[in-house]
Amino acid sequence: MTDGVATGVRYAAIGVEFAAIIVIAVVIGYRLDQWLGTAPFLMLLLTAGGFVGALRRLLWSLKRDTSEHNSP
């Protein structure tokens, strides 16, 4: 695999991971709201939490990738 393709695949994986974290948080929040009868509060809370968690993971991944490329 060429370096450009490997980089593209790595960034695509980061994007899929970002979306998956948010989708999983939404689904869990939705199911908990159905079970507890608290709609839409837990879904909104977990969606916000999932977004924050996904953003932290994205920034950590990009920082790690950047530091790997800048190391001598």
C-alpha atoms as a PDB file:
ATOM      1  CA  MET A   1       0.000   0.000   0.000  1.00  0.00           C
ATOM      2  CA  THR A   2       1.358   3.418  -0.846  1.00  0.00           C
ATOM      3  CA  ASP A   3       1.760   6.025   1.851  1.00  0.00           C
ATOM      4  CA  GLY A   4      -1.096   8.147   0.475  1.00  0.00           C
ATOM      5  CA  VAL A   5      -3.534   5.260   0.390  1.00  0.00           C
ATOM      6  CA  ALA A   6      -2.551   4.182   3.913  1.00  0.00           C
ATOM      7  CA  THR A   7      -3.111   7.713   5.172  1.00  0.00           C
ATOM      8  CA  GLY A   8      -6.510   7.878   3.461  1.00  0.00           C
ATOM      9  CA  VAL A   9      -7.578   4.562   4.949  1.00  0.00           C
ATOM     10  CA  ARG A  10      -6.435   5.670   8.419  1.00  0.00           C
ATOM     11  CA  TYR A  11      -8.420   8.919   8.219  1.00  0.00           C
ATOM     12  CA  ALA A  12     -11.476   7.090   6.860  1.00  0.00           C
ATOM     13  CA  ALA A  13     -11.292   4.732   9.832  1.00  0.00           C
ATOM     14  CA  ILE A  14     -11.128   7.704  12.199  1.00  0.00           C
ATOM     15  CA  GLY A  15     -14.248   9.159  10.549  1.00  0.00           C
ATOM     16  CA  VAL A  16     -16.149   5.877  10.830  1.00  0.00           C
ATOM     17  CA  GLU A  17     -15.116   5.580  14.475  1.00  0.00           C
ATOM     18  CA  PHE A  18     -16.308   9.152  15.147  1.00  0.00           C
ATOM     19  CA  ALA A  19     -19.722   8.430  13.628  1.00  0.00           C
ATOM     20  CA  ALA A  20     -20.031   5.029  15.313  1.00  0.00           C
ATOM     21  CA  ILE A  21     -19.443   6.472  18.785  1.00  0.00           C
ATOM     22  CA  ILE A  22     -22.226   9.010  18.289  1.00  0.00           C
ATOM     23  CA  VAL A  23     -24.661   6.492  16.767  1.00  0.00           C
ATOM     24  CA  ILE A  24     -24.079   4.020  19.598  1.00  0.00           C
ATOM     25  CA  ALA A  25     -24.679   6.763  22.180  1.00  0.00           C
ATOM     26  CA  VAL A  26     -27.936   7.774  20.455  1.00  0.00           C
ATOM     27  CA  VAL A  27     -29.203   4.186  20.297  1.00  0.00           C
ATOM     28  CA  ILE A  28     -28.364   3.505  23.948  1.00  0.00           C
ATOM     29  CA  GLY A  29     -30.034   6.763  25.002  1.00  0.00           C
ATOM     30  CA  TYR A  30     -33.116   5.986  22.933  1.00  0.00           C
ATOM     31  CA  ARG A  31     -33.435   2.489  24.395  1.00  0.00           C
ATOM     32  CA  LEU A  32     -32.947   3.761  27.951  1.00  0.00           C
ATOM     33  CA  ASP A  33     -35.599   6.425  27.371  1.00  0.00           C
ATOM     34  CA  GLN A  34     -38.032   3.763  26.155  1.00  0.00           C
ATOM     35  CA  TRP A  35     -37.286   1.532  29.120  1.00  0.00           C
ATOM     36  CA  LEU A  36     -37.402   4.269  31.783  1.00  0.00           C
ATOM     37  CA  GLY A  37     -40.038   6.505  30.163  1.00  0.00           C
ATOM     38  CA  THR A  38     -37.800   9.578  30.261  1.00  0.00           C
ATOM     39  CA  ALA A  39     -37.923  10.543  26.562  1.00  0.00           C
ATOM     40  CA  PRO A  40     -36.035  12.458  25.182  1.00  0.00           C
ATOM     41  CA  PHE A  41     -33.733  13.393  28.063  1.00  0.00           C
ATOM     42  CA  LEU A  42     -31.346  10.439  28.178  1.00  0.00           C
ATOM     43  CA  MET A  43     -31.052  10.325  24.400  1.00  0.00           C
ATOM     44  CA  LEU A  44     -30.106  14.001  24.315  1.00  0.00           C
ATOM     45  CA  LEU A  45     -27.715  13.613  27.231  1.00  0.00           C
ATOM     46  CA  LEU A  46     -25.983  10.567  25.763  1.00  0.00           C
ATOM     47  CA  THR A  47     -25.868  12.153  22.309  1.00  0.00           C
ATOM     48  CA  ALA A  48     -24.031  15.165  23.737  1.00  0.00           C
ATOM     49  CA  GLY A  49     -21.759  12.895  25.751  1.00  0.00           C
ATOM     50  CA  GLY A  50     -21.083  10.717  22.728  1.00  0.00           C
ATOM     51  CA  PHE A  51     -20.217  13.772  20.652  1.00  0.00           C
ATOM     52  CA  VAL A  52     -17.790  15.028  23.299  1.00  0.00           C
ATOM     53  CA  GLY A  53     -16.229  11.576  23.619  1.00  0.00           C
ATOM     54  CA  ALA A  54     -15.952  11.182  19.847  1.00  0.00           C
ATOM     55  CA  LEU A  55     -14.373  14.615  19.514  1.00  0.00           C
ATOM     56  CA  ARG A  56     -11.818  13.804  22.224  1.00  0.00           C
ATOM     57  CA  ARG A  57     -10.997  10.522  20.471  1.00  0.00           C
ATOM     58  CA  LEU A  58     -10.691  12.310  17.112  1.00  0.00           C
ATOM     59  CA  LEU A  59      -8.342  14.957  18.482  1.00  0.00           C
ATOM     60  CA  TRP A  60      -6.248  12.335  20.292  1.00  0.00           C
ATOM     61  CA  SER A  61      -5.951  10.265  17.112  1.00  0.00           C
ATOM     62  CA  LEU A  62      -4.977  13.246  14.992  1.00  0.00           C
ATOM     63  CA  LYS A  63      -2.441  14.422  17.566  1.00  0.00           C
ATOM     64  CA  ARG A  64      -0.908  10.936  17.691  1.00  0.00           C
ATOM     65  CA  ASP A  65      -0.756  10.706  13.889  1.00  0.00           C
ATOM     66  CA  THR A  66       0.812  14.153  13.632  1.00  0.00           C
ATOM     67  CA  SER A  67       3.457  13.376  16.254  1.00  0.00           C
ATOM     68  CA  GLU A  68       4.318  10.076  14.489  1.00  0.00           C
ATOM     69  CA  HIS A  69       4.937  11.905  11.224  1.00  0.00           C
ATOM     70  CA  ASN A  70       6.991  14.688  12.813  1.00  0.00           C
ATOM     71  CA  SER A  71       9.290  12.409  14.810  1.00  0.00           C
ATOM     72  CA  PRO A  72      12.833  12.090  13.384  1.00  0.00           C
END
